[in-house]
Amino acid sequence: MHDAIEAERLGIPAVGIMTDRFTTSARLVAELNGLKGYPFAVIPHPIANNDDEALRAKAATAVGDIVAMLTRRAA
C-alpha cells in the first residue's frame, strides 16, 4: 500500500494489491496517509509459498479489478 500511495503522490496511477488477511491494515494505512477510501485489489492469502501457477491464478482474478480502478480514475 505504501508503494501505491507514493506512486500516486508522484502522479503515477497505481493500485495496491493486498491479500485478504491485510485489508484492514491497508485501509488504515490509506486513511493515515490522507487517502481514506483509496481502492486496492484483494487476492487470497497466503502468497509466500505459492508456486508460479498459483500466483498467476491469483493475479488473473485481480486484473479486472485493477484495470477498472485505473481506468475509472482516468475518465
N, C-alpha and C. Protein backbone atom coordinates (compact mmCIF):
# COMPACT_ATOMS: atom_id res chain seq x y z
N MET A 1 0.82 -1.18 0.00
CA MET A 1 0.00 0.00 0.00
C MET A 1 0.87 1.25 0.00
N HIS A 2 1.96 1.20 0.75
CA HIS A 2 2.84 2.37 0.79
C HIS A 2 3.37 2.71 -0.61
N ASP A 3 3.77 1.72 -1.37
CA ASP A 3 4.30 1.97 -2.72
C ASP A 3 3.25 2.57 -3.63
N ALA A 4 2.02 2.06 -3.57
CA ALA A 4 0.95 2.59 -4.40
C ALA A 4 0.65 4.04 -4.03
N ILE A 5 0.61 4.33 -2.75
CA ILE A 5 0.34 5.70 -2.30
C ILE A 5 1.46 6.64 -2.74
N GLU A 6 2.69 6.21 -2.60
CA GLU A 6 3.82 7.05 -3.02
C GLU A 6 3.78 7.28 -4.53
N ALA A 7 3.48 6.26 -5.30
CA ALA A 7 3.36 6.43 -6.75
C ALA A 7 2.28 7.45 -7.08
N GLU A 8 1.14 7.34 -6.43
CA GLU A 8 0.05 8.29 -6.66
C GLU A 8 0.50 9.72 -6.33
N ARG A 9 1.23 9.88 -5.26
CA ARG A 9 1.72 11.21 -4.89
C ARG A 9 2.68 11.77 -5.94
N LEU A 10 3.36 10.88 -6.66
CA LEU A 10 4.27 11.30 -7.73
C LEU A 10 3.55 11.46 -9.07
N GLY A 11 2.24 11.27 -9.06
CA GLY A 11 1.46 11.42 -10.27
C GLY A 11 1.39 10.18 -11.13
N ILE A 12 1.78 9.04 -10.58
CA ILE A 12 1.75 7.78 -11.31
C ILE A 12 0.55 6.99 -10.83
N PRO A 13 -0.43 6.74 -11.70
CA PRO A 13 -1.59 5.96 -11.26
C PRO A 13 -1.15 4.57 -10.80
N ALA A 14 -1.68 4.14 -9.66
CA ALA A 14 -1.27 2.87 -9.08
C ALA A 14 -2.44 2.22 -8.35
N VAL A 15 -2.34 0.93 -8.18
CA VAL A 15 -3.31 0.18 -7.39
C VAL A 15 -2.53 -0.75 -6.48
N GLY A 16 -2.79 -0.66 -5.20
CA GLY A 16 -2.19 -1.59 -4.26
C GLY A 16 -2.88 -2.94 -4.37
N ILE A 17 -2.14 -3.99 -4.10
CA ILE A 17 -2.69 -5.34 -4.11
C ILE A 17 -2.41 -5.96 -2.75
N MET A 18 -3.45 -6.32 -2.04
CA MET A 18 -3.33 -6.86 -0.69
C MET A 18 -3.93 -8.26 -0.65
N THR A 19 -3.41 -9.07 0.25
CA THR A 19 -4.09 -10.33 0.49
C THR A 19 -5.24 -10.07 1.45
N ASP A 20 -6.23 -10.94 1.42
CA ASP A 20 -7.44 -10.72 2.22
C ASP A 20 -7.16 -10.61 3.72
N ARG A 21 -6.06 -11.12 4.16
CA ARG A 21 -5.72 -11.03 5.58
C ARG A 21 -5.30 -9.61 5.99
N PHE A 22 -4.90 -8.79 5.03
CA PHE A 22 -4.36 -7.47 5.35
C PHE A 22 -5.24 -6.31 4.88
N THR A 23 -6.50 -6.55 4.58
CA THR A 23 -7.35 -5.46 4.09
C THR A 23 -7.59 -4.38 5.14
N THR A 24 -7.77 -4.79 6.39
CA THR A 24 -7.98 -3.79 7.44
C THR A 24 -6.75 -2.90 7.59
N SER A 25 -5.58 -3.50 7.58
CA SER A 25 -4.35 -2.72 7.67
C SER A 25 -4.20 -1.80 6.47
N ALA A 26 -4.53 -2.27 5.28
CA ALA A 26 -4.41 -1.45 4.08
C ALA A 26 -5.33 -0.24 4.16
N ARG A 27 -6.55 -0.44 4.63
CA ARG A 27 -7.48 0.70 4.77
C ARG A 27 -6.94 1.71 5.77
N LEU A 28 -6.39 1.24 6.87
CA LEU A 28 -5.83 2.14 7.88
C LEU A 28 -4.63 2.90 7.34
N VAL A 29 -3.75 2.23 6.60
CA VAL A 29 -2.59 2.90 6.02
C VAL A 29 -3.04 4.00 5.06
N ALA A 30 -4.02 3.70 4.23
CA ALA A 30 -4.54 4.70 3.29
C ALA A 30 -5.11 5.89 4.06
N GLU A 31 -5.92 5.61 5.07
CA GLU A 31 -6.52 6.69 5.85
C GLU A 31 -5.47 7.54 6.56
N LEU A 32 -4.49 6.90 7.15
CA LEU A 32 -3.43 7.64 7.84
C LEU A 32 -2.60 8.49 6.87
N ASN A 33 -2.61 8.13 5.61
CA ASN A 33 -1.90 8.90 4.60
C ASN A 33 -2.81 9.89 3.87
N GLY A 34 -3.99 10.12 4.43
CA GLY A 34 -4.91 11.11 3.87
C GLY A 34 -5.68 10.63 2.66
N LEU A 35 -5.75 9.32 2.43
CA LEU A 35 -6.45 8.78 1.27
C LEU A 35 -7.54 7.80 1.70
N LYS A 36 -8.39 8.24 2.61
CA LYS A 36 -9.47 7.38 3.08
C LYS A 36 -10.28 6.89 1.89
N GLY A 37 -10.55 5.60 1.86
CA GLY A 37 -11.31 5.03 0.77
C GLY A 37 -10.50 4.72 -0.47
N TYR A 38 -9.17 4.85 -0.39
CA TYR A 38 -8.31 4.54 -1.54
C TYR A 38 -8.55 3.08 -1.94
N PRO A 39 -8.88 2.85 -3.21
CA PRO A 39 -9.18 1.48 -3.63
C PRO A 39 -7.93 0.63 -3.79
N PHE A 40 -8.08 -0.65 -3.53
CA PHE A 40 -6.99 -1.60 -3.74
C PHE A 40 -7.59 -2.95 -4.10
N ALA A 41 -6.81 -3.74 -4.80
CA ALA A 41 -7.24 -5.08 -5.19
C ALA A 41 -6.95 -6.05 -4.06
N VAL A 42 -7.76 -7.08 -3.97
CA VAL A 42 -7.61 -8.08 -2.92
C VAL A 42 -7.46 -9.47 -3.55
N ILE A 43 -6.44 -10.18 -3.10
CA ILE A 43 -6.23 -11.56 -3.53
C ILE A 43 -6.21 -12.46 -2.30
N PRO A 44 -6.44 -13.76 -2.47
CA PRO A 44 -6.43 -14.67 -1.32
C PRO A 44 -5.05 -14.79 -0.67
N HIS A 45 -5.08 -14.92 0.63
CA HIS A 45 -3.88 -15.15 1.44
C HIS A 45 -3.68 -16.65 1.57
N PRO A 46 -2.52 -17.14 1.65
CA PRO A 46 -1.20 -16.50 1.60
C PRO A 46 -0.64 -16.51 0.18
N ILE A 47 0.50 -15.83 0.02
CA ILE A 47 1.20 -15.87 -1.26
C ILE A 47 2.63 -16.39 -1.10
N ALA A 48 3.13 -16.37 0.10
CA ALA A 48 4.55 -16.68 0.35
C ALA A 48 4.99 -18.03 -0.21
N ASN A 49 4.18 -19.04 -0.08
CA ASN A 49 4.59 -20.36 -0.53
C ASN A 49 3.93 -20.80 -1.83
N ASN A 50 3.29 -19.86 -2.51
CA ASN A 50 2.63 -20.20 -3.78
C ASN A 50 3.65 -20.39 -4.88
N ASP A 51 3.37 -21.36 -5.74
CA ASP A 51 4.23 -21.53 -6.92
C ASP A 51 3.77 -20.53 -8.00
N ASP A 52 4.49 -20.50 -9.11
CA ASP A 52 4.17 -19.54 -10.17
C ASP A 52 2.75 -19.68 -10.68
N GLU A 53 2.30 -20.92 -10.82
CA GLU A 53 0.94 -21.16 -11.33
C GLU A 53 -0.12 -20.57 -10.39
N ALA A 54 0.05 -20.77 -9.11
CA ALA A 54 -0.91 -20.24 -8.13
C ALA A 54 -0.89 -18.72 -8.11
N LEU A 55 0.30 -18.13 -8.20
CA LEU A 55 0.41 -16.68 -8.24
C LEU A 55 -0.24 -16.11 -9.49
N ARG A 56 -0.04 -16.77 -10.63
CA ARG A 56 -0.68 -16.31 -11.88
C ARG A 56 -2.20 -16.36 -11.76
N ALA A 57 -2.71 -17.40 -11.14
CA ALA A 57 -4.15 -17.53 -10.96
C ALA A 57 -4.70 -16.42 -10.08
N LYS A 58 -3.98 -16.10 -9.03
CA LYS A 58 -4.41 -15.01 -8.15
C LYS A 58 -4.36 -13.67 -8.89
N ALA A 59 -3.31 -13.48 -9.68
CA ALA A 59 -3.20 -12.24 -10.46
C ALA A 59 -4.33 -12.15 -11.48
N ALA A 60 -4.66 -13.25 -12.10
CA ALA A 60 -5.71 -13.26 -13.11
C ALA A 60 -7.06 -12.86 -12.51
N THR A 61 -7.32 -13.26 -11.28
CA THR A 61 -8.59 -12.90 -10.65
C THR A 61 -8.63 -11.42 -10.27
N ALA A 62 -7.47 -10.82 -10.05
CA ALA A 62 -7.42 -9.42 -9.63
C ALA A 62 -7.31 -8.44 -10.79
N VAL A 63 -6.87 -8.89 -11.95
CA VAL A 63 -6.57 -7.96 -13.04
C VAL A 63 -7.79 -7.14 -13.47
N GLY A 64 -8.97 -7.73 -13.48
CA GLY A 64 -10.17 -6.99 -13.85
C GLY A 64 -10.42 -5.83 -12.90
N ASP A 65 -10.26 -6.09 -11.60
CA ASP A 65 -10.44 -5.02 -10.61
C ASP A 65 -9.39 -3.93 -10.78
N ILE A 66 -8.17 -4.34 -11.03
CA ILE A 66 -7.08 -3.37 -11.19
C ILE A 66 -7.32 -2.47 -12.40
N VAL A 67 -7.68 -3.06 -13.52
CA VAL A 67 -7.95 -2.28 -14.73
C VAL A 67 -9.11 -1.32 -14.48
N ALA A 68 -10.16 -1.80 -13.84
CA ALA A 68 -11.31 -0.94 -13.55
C ALA A 68 -10.92 0.23 -12.66
N MET A 69 -10.11 -0.02 -11.64
CA MET A 69 -9.69 1.05 -10.74
C MET A 69 -8.85 2.10 -11.47
N LEU A 70 -7.96 1.64 -12.32
CA LEU A 70 -7.09 2.58 -13.04
C LEU A 70 -7.87 3.36 -14.10
N THR A 71 -8.75 2.71 -14.82
CA THR A 71 -9.47 3.42 -15.88
C THR A 71 -10.57 4.31 -15.32
N ARG A 72 -11.12 3.96 -14.19
CA ARG A 72 -12.13 4.81 -13.55
C ARG A 72 -11.54 6.17 -13.20
N ARG A 73 -10.29 6.17 -12.74
CA ARG A 73 -9.63 7.42 -12.38
C ARG A 73 -9.24 8.24 -13.59
N ALA A 74 -8.99 7.57 -14.71
CA ALA A 74 -8.56 8.27 -15.92
C ALA A 74 -9.74 8.93 -16.62
N ALA A 75 -10.95 8.49 -16.33
CA ALA A 75 -12.13 9.01 -17.02
C ALA A 75 -12.52 10.39 -16.52
